[in-house]
Amino acid sequence: MSTEANDGEIKMVMAYVRPDRLGAVKGALAEIGAPSLTVTNVSGRGSQPAKKGQWRGEEYTVDLHQKTKIECVVADIPAEDVVEAIAEAAHTGEPGDGKVFVLPVDSAHQIRTSKDGPEAV
């Protein structure tokens, strides 16, 4: 059994969370030593119900909800720790809390230093 994080592999942890939970997620990731992340504002639809509203007398339905996509590539930190940190920080108990996915990364190349593999992360 390997003692290396992620068995020496590079993993991408991708999470979709509520925008108002981003600060808590960033703090949780900093606590476990996962310093690099990419954040994107996205819209999507999952198990969260559609919302109906009225504007200027017209009824409308919002079925694409605003989410924040967080990507974190790790090699020396266990991906399970990153998933746990994100899940705990983003949890509200309401529908629409989000999802976390873990994907394998075949290779990585750092442009500035020309490092490859886990050293590039």
PDB file of N, CA and C in Angstrom:
ATOM      1  N   MET A   1       0.843  -1.192   0.000  1.00  0.00           N
ATOM      2  CA  MET A   1       0.000   0.000   0.000  1.00  0.00           C
ATOM      3  C   MET A   1       0.881   1.246   0.000  1.00  0.00           C
ATOM      4  N   SER A   2       0.586   2.195  -0.871  1.00  0.00           N
ATOM      5  CA  SER A   2       1.383   3.406  -1.009  1.00  0.00           C
ATOM      6  C   SER A   2       1.053   4.396   0.107  1.00  0.00           C
ATOM      7  N   THR A   3       2.073   5.082   0.588  1.00  0.00           N
ATOM      8  CA  THR A   3       1.863   6.100   1.615  1.00  0.00           C
ATOM      9  C   THR A   3       1.771   7.490   1.001  1.00  0.00           C
ATOM     10  N   GLU A   4       1.937   7.586  -0.314  1.00  0.00           N
ATOM     11  CA  GLU A   4       1.829   8.870  -0.999  1.00  0.00           C
ATOM     12  C   GLU A   4       0.368   9.283  -1.096  1.00  0.00           C
ATOM     13  N   ALA A   5       0.147  10.603  -1.051  1.00  0.00           N
ATOM     14  CA  ALA A   5      -1.214  11.111  -1.234  1.00  0.00           C
ATOM     15  C   ALA A   5      -1.700  10.746  -2.623  1.00  0.00           C
ATOM     16  N   ASN A   6      -2.923  10.291  -2.747  1.00  0.00           N
ATOM     17  CA  ASN A   6      -3.545   9.934  -4.026  1.00  0.00           C
ATOM     18  C   ASN A   6      -2.763   8.848  -4.762  1.00  0.00           C
ATOM     19  N   ASP A   7      -2.011   8.040  -4.032  1.00  0.00           N
ATOM     20  CA  ASP A   7      -1.180   6.975  -4.622  1.00  0.00           C
ATOM     21  C   ASP A   7      -0.232   7.518  -5.684  1.00  0.00           C
ATOM     22  N   GLY A   8       0.269   8.726  -5.471  1.00  0.00           N
ATOM     23  CA  GLY A   8       1.220   9.339  -6.397  1.00  0.00           C
ATOM     24  C   GLY A   8       0.585   9.939  -7.630  1.00  0.00           C
ATOM     25  N   GLU A   9      -0.740   9.909  -7.739  1.00  0.00           N
ATOM     26  CA  GLU A   9      -1.437  10.451  -8.899  1.00  0.00           C
ATOM     27  C   GLU A   9      -1.873  11.888  -8.653  1.00  0.00           C
ATOM     28  N   ILE A  10      -2.168  12.580  -9.747  1.00  0.00           N
ATOM     29  CA  ILE A  10      -2.697  13.938  -9.684  1.00  0.00           C
ATOM     30  C   ILE A  10      -4.217  13.834  -9.802  1.00  0.00           C
ATOM     31  N   LYS A  11      -4.927  14.555  -8.959  1.00  0.00           N
ATOM     32  CA  LYS A  11      -6.394  14.536  -8.969  1.00  0.00           C
ATOM     33  C   LYS A  11      -6.922  15.967  -9.104  1.00  0.00           C
ATOM     34  N   MET A  12      -8.035  16.092  -9.815  1.00  0.00           N
ATOM     35  CA  MET A  12      -8.739  17.366  -9.863  1.00  0.00           C
ATOM     36  C   MET A  12     -10.030  17.212  -9.084  1.00  0.00           C
ATOM     37  N   VAL A  13     -10.205  18.057  -8.093  1.00  0.00           N
ATOM     38  CA  VAL A  13     -11.451  18.096  -7.329  1.00  0.00           C
ATOM     39  C   VAL A  13     -12.244  19.277  -7.873  1.00  0.00           C
ATOM     40  N   MET A  14     -13.444  18.986  -8.361  1.00  0.00           N
ATOM     41  CA  MET A  14     -14.295  19.999  -8.955  1.00  0.00           C
ATOM     42  C   MET A  14     -15.594  20.053  -8.162  1.00  0.00           C
ATOM     43  N   ALA A  15     -15.948  21.230  -7.689  1.00  0.00           N
ATOM     44  CA  ALA A  15     -17.140  21.373  -6.858  1.00  0.00           C
ATOM     45  C   ALA A  15     -18.024  22.489  -7.395  1.00  0.00           C
ATOM     46  N   TYR A  16     -19.323  22.270  -7.277  1.00  0.00           N
ATOM     47  CA  TYR A  16     -20.319  23.294  -7.595  1.00  0.00           C
ATOM     48  C   TYR A  16     -21.040  23.610  -6.290  1.00  0.00           C
ATOM     49  N   VAL A  17     -20.925  24.846  -5.815  1.00  0.00           N
ATOM     50  CA  VAL A  17     -21.490  25.233  -4.524  1.00  0.00           C
ATOM     51  C   VAL A  17     -22.267  26.535  -4.661  1.00  0.00           C
ATOM     52  N   ARG A  18     -22.997  26.862  -3.599  1.00  0.00           N
ATOM     53  CA  ARG A  18     -23.714  28.134  -3.551  1.00  0.00           C
ATOM     54  C   ARG A  18     -22.683  29.284  -3.506  1.00  0.00           C
ATOM     55  N   PRO A  19     -22.937  30.360  -4.231  1.00  0.00           N
ATOM     56  CA  PRO A  19     -21.985  31.481  -4.238  1.00  0.00           C
ATOM     57  C   PRO A  19     -21.703  32.054  -2.853  1.00  0.00           C
ATOM     58  N   ASP A  20     -22.693  32.058  -1.967  1.00  0.00           N
ATOM     59  CA  ASP A  20     -22.491  32.634  -0.638  1.00  0.00           C
ATOM     60  C   ASP A  20     -21.631  31.749   0.267  1.00  0.00           C
ATOM     61  N   ARG A  21     -21.307  30.517  -0.148  1.00  0.00           N
ATOM     62  CA  ARG A  21     -20.465  29.618   0.646  1.00  0.00           C
ATOM     63  C   ARG A  21     -19.008  29.636   0.194  1.00  0.00           C
ATOM     64  N   LEU A  22     -18.677  30.459  -0.820  1.00  0.00           N
ATOM     65  CA  LEU A  22     -17.314  30.497  -1.354  1.00  0.00           C
ATOM     66  C   LEU A  22     -16.289  30.880  -0.296  1.00  0.00           C
ATOM     67  N   GLY A  23     -16.578  31.871   0.521  1.00  0.00           N
ATOM     68  CA  GLY A  23     -15.638  32.299   1.559  1.00  0.00           C
ATOM     69  C   GLY A  23     -15.318  31.177   2.534  1.00  0.00           C
ATOM     70  N   ALA A  24     -16.337  30.449   2.947  1.00  0.00           N
ATOM     71  CA  ALA A  24     -16.135  29.336   3.877  1.00  0.00           C
ATOM     72  C   ALA A  24     -15.321  28.223   3.223  1.00  0.00           C
ATOM     73  N   VAL A  25     -15.582  27.945   1.942  1.00  0.00           N
ATOM     74  CA  VAL A  25     -14.839  26.901   1.235  1.00  0.00           C
ATOM     75  C   VAL A  25     -13.373  27.307   1.081  1.00  0.00           C
ATOM     76  N   LYS A  26     -13.113  28.563   0.713  1.00  0.00           N
ATOM     77  CA  LYS A  26     -11.725  29.033   0.598  1.00  0.00           C
ATOM     78  C   LYS A  26     -10.996  28.901   1.923  1.00  0.00           C
ATOM     79  N   GLY A  27     -11.642  29.247   3.005  1.00  0.00           N
ATOM     80  CA  GLY A  27     -11.032  29.121   4.331  1.00  0.00           C
ATOM     81  C   GLY A  27     -10.730  27.680   4.686  1.00  0.00           C
ATOM     82  N   ALA A  28     -11.664  26.778   4.385  1.00  0.00           N
ATOM     83  CA  ALA A  28     -11.474  25.353   4.684  1.00  0.00           C
ATOM     84  C   ALA A  28     -10.328  24.774   3.867  1.00  0.00           C
ATOM     85  N   LEU A  29     -10.212  25.170   2.602  1.00  0.00           N
ATOM     86  CA  LEU A  29      -9.115  24.686   1.763  1.00  0.00           C
ATOM     87  C   LEU A  29      -7.770  25.221   2.249  1.00  0.00           C
ATOM     88  N   ALA A  30      -7.742  26.463   2.693  1.00  0.00           N
ATOM     89  CA  ALA A  30      -6.501  27.027   3.231  1.00  0.00           C
ATOM     90  C   ALA A  30      -6.065  26.287   4.496  1.00  0.00           C
ATOM     91  N   GLU A  31      -7.019  25.888   5.323  1.00  0.00           N
ATOM     92  CA  GLU A  31      -6.701  25.164   6.557  1.00  0.00           C
ATOM     93  C   GLU A  31      -6.028  23.822   6.302  1.00  0.00           C
ATOM     94  N   ILE A  32      -6.413  23.135   5.213  1.00  0.00           N
ATOM     95  CA  ILE A  32      -5.812  21.829   4.940  1.00  0.00           C
ATOM     96  C   ILE A  32      -4.583  21.930   4.036  1.00  0.00           C
ATOM     97  N   GLY A  33      -4.217  23.146   3.646  1.00  0.00           N
ATOM     98  CA  GLY A  33      -3.010  23.346   2.862  1.00  0.00           C
ATOM     99  C   GLY A  33      -3.192  23.177   1.368  1.00  0.00           C
ATOM    100  N   ALA A  34      -4.394  23.385   0.871  1.00  0.00           N
ATOM    101  CA  ALA A  34      -4.650  23.329  -0.579  1.00  0.00           C
ATOM    102  C   ALA A  34      -4.728  24.766  -1.090  1.00  0.00           C
ATOM    103  N   PRO A  35      -3.591  25.370  -1.417  1.00  0.00           N
ATOM    104  CA  PRO A  35      -3.564  26.802  -1.706  1.00  0.00           C
ATOM    105  C   PRO A  35      -4.074  27.206  -3.085  1.00  0.00           C
ATOM    106  N   SER A  36      -3.951  26.332  -4.084  1.00  0.00           N
ATOM    107  CA  SER A  36      -4.318  26.752  -5.434  1.00  0.00           C
ATOM    108  C   SER A  36      -5.724  26.300  -5.787  1.00  0.00           C
ATOM    109  N   LEU A  37      -6.481  27.218  -6.366  1.00  0.00           N
ATOM    110  CA  LEU A  37      -7.822  26.888  -6.818  1.00  0.00           C
ATOM    111  C   LEU A  37      -8.232  27.861  -7.900  1.00  0.00           C
ATOM    112  N   THR A  38      -9.191  27.437  -8.693  1.00  0.00           N
ATOM    113  CA  THR A  38      -9.769  28.271  -9.738  1.00  0.00           C
ATOM    114  C   THR A  38     -11.257  28.374  -9.455  1.00  0.00           C
ATOM    115  N   VAL A  39     -11.796  29.585  -9.546  1.00  0.00           N
ATOM    116  CA  VAL A  39     -13.205  29.823  -9.238  1.00  0.00           C
ATOM    117  C   VAL A  39     -13.883  30.439 -10.457  1.00  0.00           C
ATOM    118  N   THR A  40     -15.046  29.900 -10.816  1.00  0.00           N
ATOM    119  CA  THR A  40     -15.816  30.392 -11.950  1.00  0.00           C
ATOM    120  C   THR A  40     -17.276  30.516 -11.526  1.00  0.00           C
ATOM    121  N   ASN A  41     -17.938  31.575 -11.964  1.00  0.00           N
ATOM    122  CA  ASN A  41     -19.374  31.716 -11.732  1.00  0.00           C
ATOM    123  C   ASN A  41     -20.107  31.031 -12.875  1.00  0.00           C
ATOM    124  N   VAL A  42     -21.007  30.113 -12.536  1.00  0.00           N
ATOM    125  CA  VAL A  42     -21.731  29.334 -13.539  1.00  0.00           C
ATOM    126  C   VAL A  42     -23.216  29.303 -13.194  1.00  0.00           C
ATOM    127  N   SER A  43     -24.021  28.850 -14.142  1.00  0.00           N
ATOM    128  CA  SER A  43     -25.452  28.612 -13.922  1.00  0.00           C
ATOM    129  C   SER A  43     -25.723  27.155 -14.221  1.00  0.00           C
ATOM    130  N   GLY A  44     -26.648  26.556 -13.474  1.00  0.00           N
ATOM    131  CA  GLY A  44     -26.951  25.157 -13.734  1.00  0.00           C
ATOM    132  C   GLY A  44     -28.244  24.722 -13.098  1.00  0.00           C
ATOM    133  N   ARG A  45     -28.593  23.471 -13.400  1.00  0.00           N
ATOM    134  CA  ARG A  45     -29.827  22.906 -12.886  1.00  0.00           C
ATOM    135  C   ARG A  45     -29.509  21.520 -12.344  1.00  0.00           C
ATOM    136  N   GLY A  46     -29.957  21.237 -11.150  1.00  0.00           N
ATOM    137  CA  GLY A  46     -29.783  19.924 -10.544  1.00  0.00           C
ATOM    138  C   GLY A  46     -31.070  19.537  -9.848  1.00  0.00           C
ATOM    139  N   SER A  47     -30.954  19.096  -8.608  1.00  0.00           N
ATOM    140  CA  SER A  47     -32.147  18.678  -7.868  1.00  0.00           C
ATOM    141  C   SER A  47     -32.859  19.848  -7.205  1.00  0.00           C
ATOM    142  N   GLN A  48     -32.247  21.035  -7.243  1.00  0.00           N
ATOM    143  CA  GLN A  48     -32.866  22.216  -6.649  1.00  0.00           C
ATOM    144  C   GLN A  48     -34.099  22.599  -7.464  1.00  0.00           C
ATOM    145  N   PRO A  49     -35.254  22.811  -6.802  1.00  0.00           N
ATOM    146  CA  PRO A  49     -36.475  23.103  -7.558  1.00  0.00           C
ATOM    147  C   PRO A  49     -36.423  24.464  -8.254  1.00  0.00           C
ATOM    148  N   ALA A  50     -37.187  24.573  -9.339  1.00  0.00           N
ATOM    149  CA  ALA A  50     -37.302  25.842 -10.060  1.00  0.00           C
ATOM    150  C   ALA A  50     -38.071  26.833  -9.190  1.00  0.00           C
ATOM    151  N   LYS A  51     -37.771  28.106  -9.386  1.00  0.00           N
ATOM    152  CA  LYS A  51     -38.471  29.157  -8.648  1.00  0.00           C
ATOM    153  C   LYS A  51     -39.317  29.955  -9.614  1.00  0.00           C
ATOM    154  N   LYS A  52     -40.532  30.293  -9.172  1.00  0.00           N
ATOM    155  CA  LYS A  52     -41.423  31.125  -9.984  1.00  0.00           C
ATOM    156  C   LYS A  52     -41.444  32.518  -9.380  1.00  0.00           C
ATOM    157  N   GLY A  53     -41.543  33.499 -10.246  1.00  0.00           N
ATOM    158  CA  GLY A  53     -41.588  34.875  -9.779  1.00  0.00           C
ATOM    159  C   GLY A  53     -42.400  35.731 -10.718  1.00  0.00           C
ATOM    160  N   GLN A  54     -42.556  37.007 -10.353  1.00  0.00           N
ATOM    161  CA  GLN A  54     -43.274  37.955 -11.190  1.00  0.00           C
ATOM    162  C   GLN A  54     -42.431  39.208 -11.318  1.00  0.00           C
ATOM    163  N   TRP A  55     -42.419  39.733 -12.526  1.00  0.00           N
ATOM    164  CA  TRP A  55     -41.730  40.982 -12.776  1.00  0.00           C
ATOM    165  C   TRP A  55     -42.563  41.789 -13.748  1.00  0.00           C
ATOM    166  N   ARG A  56     -42.959  42.984 -13.338  1.00  0.00           N
ATOM    167  CA  ARG A  56     -43.808  43.866 -14.140  1.00  0.00           C
ATOM    168  C   ARG A  56     -45.066  43.156 -14.624  1.00  0.00           C
ATOM    169  N   GLY A  57     -45.640  42.363 -13.735  1.00  0.00           N
ATOM    170  CA  GLY A  57     -46.895  41.695 -14.042  1.00  0.00           C
ATOM    171  C   GLY A  57     -46.766  40.407 -14.828  1.00  0.00           C
ATOM    172  N   GLU A  58     -45.583  40.092 -15.284  1.00  0.00           N
ATOM    173  CA  GLU A  58     -45.359  38.864 -16.050  1.00  0.00           C
ATOM    174  C   GLU A  58     -44.764  37.796 -15.142  1.00  0.00           C
ATOM    175  N   GLU A  59     -45.277  36.580 -15.255  1.00  0.00           N
ATOM    176  CA  GLU A  59     -44.756  35.470 -14.467  1.00  0.00           C
ATOM    177  C   GLU A  59     -43.577  34.831 -15.210  1.00  0.00           C
ATOM    178  N   TYR A  60     -42.543  34.451 -14.480  1.00  0.00           N
ATOM    179  CA  TYR A  60     -41.388  33.797 -15.088  1.00  0.00           C
ATOM    180  C   TYR A  60     -40.902  32.674 -14.177  1.00  0.00           C
ATOM    181  N   THR A  61     -40.146  31.754 -14.754  1.00  0.00           N
ATOM    182  CA  THR A  61     -39.591  30.627 -14.013  1.00  0.00           C
ATOM    183  C   THR A  61     -38.078  30.658 -14.118  1.00  0.00           C
ATOM    184  N   VAL A  62     -37.414  30.519 -12.981  1.00  0.00           N
ATOM    185  CA  VAL A  62     -35.956  30.438 -12.946  1.00  0.00           C
ATOM    186  C   VAL A  62     -35.598  28.990 -12.652  1.00  0.00           C
ATOM    187  N   ASP A  63     -35.053  28.300 -13.659  1.00  0.00           N
ATOM    188  CA  ASP A  63     -34.659  26.909 -13.433  1.00  0.00           C
ATOM    189  C   ASP A  63     -33.154  26.702 -13.554  1.00  0.00           C
ATOM    190  N   LEU A  64     -32.430  27.746 -13.927  1.00  0.00           N
ATOM    191  CA  LEU A  64     -30.970  27.699 -13.909  1.00  0.00           C
ATOM    192  C   LEU A  64     -30.512  28.587 -12.753  1.00  0.00           C
ATOM    193  N   HIS A  65     -29.892  27.974 -11.756  1.00  0.00           N
ATOM    194  CA  HIS A  65     -29.502  28.684 -10.545  1.00  0.00           C
ATOM    195  C   HIS A  65     -28.030  29.069 -10.592  1.00  0.00           C
ATOM    196  N   GLN A  66     -27.705  30.194  -9.976  1.00  0.00           N
ATOM    197  CA  GLN A  66     -26.323  30.654  -9.918  1.00  0.00           C
ATOM    198  C   GLN A  66     -25.532  29.742  -8.984  1.00  0.00           C
ATOM    199  N   LYS A  67     -24.379  29.297  -9.441  1.00  0.00           N
ATOM    200  CA  LYS A  67     -23.483  28.450  -8.656  1.00  0.00           C
ATOM    201  C   LYS A  67     -22.062  28.955  -8.820  1.00  0.00           C
ATOM    202  N   THR A  68     -21.195  28.511  -7.949  1.00  0.00           N
ATOM    203  CA  THR A  68     -19.776  28.797  -8.050  1.00  0.00           C
ATOM    204  C   THR A  68     -19.062  27.478  -8.286  1.00  0.00           C
ATOM    205  N   LYS A  69     -18.269  27.416  -9.337  1.00  0.00           N
ATOM    206  CA  LYS A  69     -17.499  26.216  -9.656  1.00  0.00           C
ATOM    207  C   LYS A  69     -16.086  26.417  -9.117  1.00  0.00           C
ATOM    208  N   ILE A  70     -15.641  25.454  -8.327  1.00  0.00           N
ATOM    209  CA  ILE A  70     -14.307  25.510  -7.729  1.00  0.00           C
ATOM    210  C   ILE A  70     -13.514  24.318  -8.246  1.00  0.00           C
ATOM    211  N   GLU A  71     -12.338  24.576  -8.787  1.00  0.00           N
ATOM    212  CA  GLU A  71     -11.449  23.516  -9.253  1.00  0.00           C
ATOM    213  C   GLU A  71     -10.158  23.583  -8.449  1.00  0.00           C
ATOM    214  N   CYS A  72      -9.739  22.433  -7.959  1.00  0.00           N
ATOM    215  CA  CYS A  72      -8.523  22.354  -7.149  1.00  0.00           C
ATOM    216  C   CYS A  72      -7.764  21.106  -7.589  1.00  0.00           C
ATOM    217  N   VAL A  73      -6.561  21.288  -8.127  1.00  0.00           N
ATOM    218  CA  VAL A  73      -5.738  20.166  -8.566  1.00  0.00           C
ATOM    219  C   VAL A  73      -4.727  19.873  -7.466  1.00  0.00           C
ATOM    220  N   VAL A  74      -4.686  18.603  -7.024  1.00  0.00           N
ATOM    221  CA  VAL A  74      -3.807  18.238  -5.913  1.00  0.00           C
ATOM    222  C   VAL A  74      -2.973  17.009  -6.267  1.00  0.00           C
ATOM    223  N   ALA A  75      -1.766  16.984  -5.729  1.00  0.00           N
ATOM    224  CA  ALA A  75      -0.887  15.820  -5.877  1.00  0.00           C
ATOM    225  C   ALA A  75      -0.366  15.381  -4.519  1.00  0.00           C
ATOM    226  N   ASP A  76       0.003  16.348  -3.673  1.00  0.00           N
ATOM    227  CA  ASP A  76       0.596  16.018  -2.377  1.00  0.00           C
ATOM    228  C   ASP A  76      -0.396  16.080  -1.215  1.00  0.00           C
ATOM    229  N   ILE A  77      -1.652  16.443  -1.506  1.00  0.00           N
ATOM    230  CA  ILE A  77      -2.713  16.479  -0.500  1.00  0.00           C
ATOM    231  C   ILE A  77      -3.761  15.451  -0.921  1.00  0.00           C
ATOM    232  N   PRO A  78      -4.214  14.584  -0.030  1.00  0.00           N
ATOM    233  CA  PRO A  78      -5.233  13.596  -0.422  1.00  0.00           C
ATOM    234  C   PRO A  78      -6.509  14.267  -0.935  1.00  0.00           C
ATOM    235  N   ALA A  79      -6.986  13.806  -2.085  1.00  0.00           N
ATOM    236  CA  ALA A  79      -8.203  14.358  -2.679  1.00  0.00           C
ATOM    237  C   ALA A  79      -9.385  14.197  -1.724  1.00  0.00           C
ATOM    238  N   GLU A  80      -9.393  13.115  -0.935  1.00  0.00           N
ATOM    239  CA  GLU A  80     -10.490  12.890   0.014  1.00  0.00           C
ATOM    240  C   GLU A  80     -10.551  13.999   1.060  1.00  0.00           C
ATOM    241  N   ASP A  81      -9.376  14.515   1.473  1.00  0.00           N
ATOM    242  CA  ASP A  81      -9.344  15.619   2.432  1.00  0.00           C
ATOM    243  C   ASP A  81      -9.941  16.880   1.825  1.00  0.00           C
ATOM    244  N   VAL A  82      -9.653  17.114   0.547  1.00  0.00           N
ATOM    245  CA  VAL A  82     -10.182  18.290  -0.147  1.00  0.00           C
ATOM    246  C   VAL A  82     -11.703  18.169  -0.272  1.00  0.00           C
ATOM    247  N   VAL A  83     -12.180  16.980  -0.649  1.00  0.00           N
ATOM    248  CA  VAL A  83     -13.625  16.753  -0.778  1.00  0.00           C
ATOM    249  C   VAL A  83     -14.313  16.994   0.561  1.00  0.00           C
ATOM    250  N   GLU A  84     -13.748  16.445   1.619  1.00  0.00           N
ATOM    251  CA  GLU A  84     -14.337  16.594   2.950  1.00  0.00           C
ATOM    252  C   GLU A  84     -14.381  18.062   3.379  1.00  0.00           C
ATOM    253  N   ALA A  85     -13.297  18.803   3.129  1.00  0.00           N
ATOM    254  CA  ALA A  85     -13.243  20.219   3.507  1.00  0.00           C
ATOM    255  C   ALA A  85     -14.304  21.029   2.753  1.00  0.00           C
ATOM    256  N   ILE A  86     -14.425  20.772   1.450  1.00  0.00           N
ATOM    257  CA  ILE A  86     -15.417  21.496   0.653  1.00  0.00           C
ATOM    258  C   ILE A  86     -16.831  21.141   1.109  1.00  0.00           C
ATOM    259  N   ALA A  87     -17.093  19.855   1.286  1.00  0.00           N
ATOM    260  CA  ALA A  87     -18.433  19.410   1.670  1.00  0.00           C
ATOM    261  C   ALA A  87     -18.862  19.988   3.013  1.00  0.00           C
ATOM    262  N   GLU A  88     -17.961  20.002   3.986  1.00  0.00           N
ATOM    263  CA  GLU A  88     -18.308  20.548   5.300  1.00  0.00           C
ATOM    264  C   GLU A  88     -18.520  22.052   5.241  1.00  0.00           C
ATOM    265  N   ALA A  89     -17.697  22.762   4.476  1.00  0.00           N
ATOM    266  CA  ALA A  89     -17.810  24.219   4.408  1.00  0.00           C
ATOM    267  C   ALA A  89     -19.028  24.669   3.603  1.00  0.00           C
ATOM    268  N   ALA A  90     -19.431  23.887   2.601  1.00  0.00           N
ATOM    269  CA  ALA A  90     -20.535  24.287   1.727  1.00  0.00           C
ATOM    270  C   ALA A  90     -21.899  23.808   2.222  1.00  0.00           C
ATOM    271  N   HIS A  91     -21.918  22.932   3.222  1.00  0.00           N
ATOM    272  CA  HIS A  91     -23.169  22.317   3.675  1.00  0.00           C
ATOM    273  C   HIS A  91     -24.086  23.317   4.382  1.00  0.00           C
ATOM    274  N   THR A  92     -25.343  23.389   3.910  1.00  0.00           N
ATOM    275  CA  THR A  92     -26.377  24.166   4.600  1.00  0.00           C
ATOM    276  C   THR A  92     -27.553  23.268   4.967  1.00  0.00           C
ATOM    277  N   GLY A  93     -27.662  22.109   4.330  1.00  0.00           N
ATOM    278  CA  GLY A  93     -28.772  21.202   4.578  1.00  0.00           C
ATOM    279  C   GLY A  93     -29.980  21.448   3.692  1.00  0.00           C
ATOM    280  N   GLU A  94     -29.895  22.426   2.823  1.00  0.00           N
ATOM    281  CA  GLU A  94     -30.997  22.768   1.921  1.00  0.00           C
ATOM    282  C   GLU A  94     -30.727  22.203   0.528  1.00  0.00           C
ATOM    283  N   PRO A  95     -31.777  21.979  -0.280  1.00  0.00           N
ATOM    284  CA  PRO A  95     -31.554  21.574  -1.665  1.00  0.00           C
ATOM    285  C   PRO A  95     -30.721  22.632  -2.388  1.00  0.00           C
ATOM    286  N   GLY A  96     -29.795  22.191  -3.223  1.00  0.00           N
ATOM    287  CA  GLY A  96     -28.960  23.126  -3.968  1.00  0.00           C
ATOM    288  C   GLY A  96     -27.620  23.400  -3.321  1.00  0.00           C
ATOM    289  N   ASP A  97     -27.245  22.618  -2.295  1.00  0.00           N
ATOM    290  CA  ASP A  97     -25.932  22.798  -1.667  1.00  0.00           C
ATOM    291  C   ASP A  97     -24.803  22.544  -2.651  1.00  0.00           C
ATOM    292  N   GLY A  98     -24.997  21.653  -3.609  1.00  0.00           N
ATOM    293  CA  GLY A  98     -24.000  21.429  -4.643  1.00  0.00           C
ATOM    294  C   GLY A  98     -23.496  20.001  -4.681  1.00  0.00           C
ATOM    295  N   LYS A  99     -22.452  19.804  -5.479  1.00  0.00           N
ATOM    296  CA  LYS A  99     -21.850  18.492  -5.652  1.00  0.00           C
ATOM    297  C   LYS A  99     -20.346  18.641  -5.777  1.00  0.00           C
ATOM    298  N   VAL A 100     -19.627  17.537  -5.467  1.00  0.00           N
ATOM    299  CA  VAL A 100     -18.168  17.512  -5.589  1.00  0.00           C
ATOM    300  C   VAL A 100     -17.797  16.298  -6.433  1.00  0.00           C
ATOM    301  N   PHE A 101     -16.912  16.490  -7.400  1.00  0.00           N
ATOM    302  CA  PHE A 101     -16.447  15.422  -8.269  1.00  0.00           C
ATOM    303  C   PHE A 101     -14.928  15.321  -8.168  1.00  0.00           C
ATOM    304  N   VAL A 102     -14.402  14.104  -8.261  1.00  0.00           N
ATOM    305  CA  VAL A 102     -12.958  13.891  -8.264  1.00  0.00           C
ATOM    306  C   VAL A 102     -12.602  13.205  -9.577  1.00  0.00           C
ATOM    307  N   LEU A 103     -11.681  13.821 -10.324  1.00  0.00           N
ATOM    308  CA  LEU A 103     -11.285  13.320 -11.634  1.00  0.00           C
ATOM    309  C   LEU A 103      -9.786  13.049 -11.664  1.00  0.00           C
ATOM    310  N   PRO A 104      -9.351  12.018 -12.370  1.00  0.00           N
ATOM    311  CA  PRO A 104      -7.918  11.803 -12.533  1.00  0.00           C
ATOM    312  C   PRO A 104      -7.353  12.810 -13.540  1.00  0.00           C
ATOM    313  N   VAL A 105      -6.125  13.231 -13.318  1.00  0.00           N
ATOM    314  CA  VAL A 105      -5.437  14.127 -14.245  1.00  0.00           C
ATOM    315  C   VAL A 105      -4.303  13.325 -14.869  1.00  0.00           C
ATOM    316  N   ASP A 106      -4.332  13.167 -16.189  1.00  0.00           N
ATOM    317  CA  ASP A 106      -3.325  12.356 -16.873  1.00  0.00           C
ATOM    318  C   ASP A 106      -1.932  12.951 -16.787  1.00  0.00           C
ATOM    319  N   SER A 107      -1.852  14.269 -16.963  1.00  0.00           N
ATOM    320  CA  SER A 107      -0.536  14.905 -16.891  1.00  0.00           C
ATOM    321  C   SER A 107      -0.699  16.374 -16.550  1.00  0.00           C
ATOM    322  N   ALA A 108       0.408  16.962 -16.134  1.00  0.00           N
ATOM    323  CA  ALA A 108       0.432  18.391 -15.831  1.00  0.00           C
ATOM    324  C   ALA A 108       1.784  18.938 -16.258  1.00  0.00           C
ATOM    325  N   HIS A 109       1.793  20.165 -16.736  1.00  0.00           N
ATOM    326  CA  HIS A 109       3.037  20.812 -17.159  1.00  0.00           C
ATOM    327  C   HIS A 109       2.998  22.258 -16.697  1.00  0.00           C
ATOM    328  N   GLN A 110       3.983  22.648 -15.910  1.00  0.00           N
ATOM    329  CA  GLN A 110       4.058  24.037 -15.449  1.00  0.00           C
ATOM    330  C   GLN A 110       4.856  24.829 -16.477  1.00  0.00           C
ATOM    331  N   ILE A 111       4.234  25.818 -17.052  1.00  0.00           N
ATOM    332  CA  ILE A 111       4.834  26.572 -18.151  1.00  0.00           C
ATOM    333  C   ILE A 111       6.097  27.311 -17.712  1.00  0.00           C
ATOM    334  N   ARG A 112       6.049  28.003 -16.574  1.00  0.00           N
ATOM    335  CA  ARG A 112       7.188  28.813 -16.138  1.00  0.00           C
ATOM    336  C   ARG A 112       8.440  27.993 -15.881  1.00  0.00           C
ATOM    337  N   THR A 113       8.308  26.863 -15.186  1.00  0.00           N
ATOM    338  CA  THR A 113       9.478  26.081 -14.777  1.00  0.00           C
ATOM    339  C   THR A 113       9.742  24.862 -15.648  1.00  0.00           C
ATOM    340  N   SER A 114       8.822  24.523 -16.532  1.00  0.00           N
ATOM    341  CA  SER A 114       8.896  23.331 -17.370  1.00  0.00           C
ATOM    342  C   SER A 114       8.857  22.032 -16.579  1.00  0.00           C
ATOM    343  N   LYS A 115       8.349  22.078 -15.345  1.00  0.00           N
ATOM    344  CA  LYS A 115       8.206  20.856 -14.548  1.00  0.00           C
ATOM    345  C   LYS A 115       7.008  20.069 -15.056  1.00  0.00           C
ATOM    346  N   ASP A 116       7.101  18.739 -14.947  1.00  0.00           N
ATOM    347  CA  ASP A 116       6.033  17.863 -15.385  1.00  0.00           C
ATOM    348  C   ASP A 116       5.532  17.010 -14.227  1.00  0.00           C
ATOM    349  N   GLY A 117       4.303  16.482 -14.385  1.00  0.00           N
ATOM    350  CA  GLY A 117       3.755  15.544 -13.403  1.00  0.00           C
ATOM    351  C   GLY A 117       3.416  16.206 -12.095  1.00  0.00           C
ATOM    352  N   PRO A 118       3.486  15.431 -10.982  1.00  0.00           N
ATOM    353  CA  PRO A 118       3.130  15.966  -9.667  1.00  0.00           C
ATOM    354  C   PRO A 118       3.968  17.173  -9.243  1.00  0.00           C
ATOM    355  N   GLU A 119       5.197  17.281  -9.747  1.00  0.00           N
ATOM    356  CA  GLU A 119       6.033  18.445  -9.410  1.00  0.00           C
ATOM    357  C   GLU A 119       5.455  19.748  -9.977  1.00  0.00           C
ATOM    358  N   ALA A 120       4.689  19.640 -11.057  1.00  0.00           N
ATOM    359  CA  ALA A 120       4.108  20.822 -11.699  1.00  0.00           C
ATOM    360  C   ALA A 120       2.949  21.375 -10.913  1.00  0.00           C
ATOM    361  N   VAL A 121       2.343  20.532 -10.073  1.00  0.00           N
ATOM    362  CA  VAL A 121       1.184  20.962  -9.307  1.00  0.00           C
ATOM    363  C   VAL A 121       1.656  21.690  -8.079  1.00  0.00           C
TER     364      VAL A 121
END
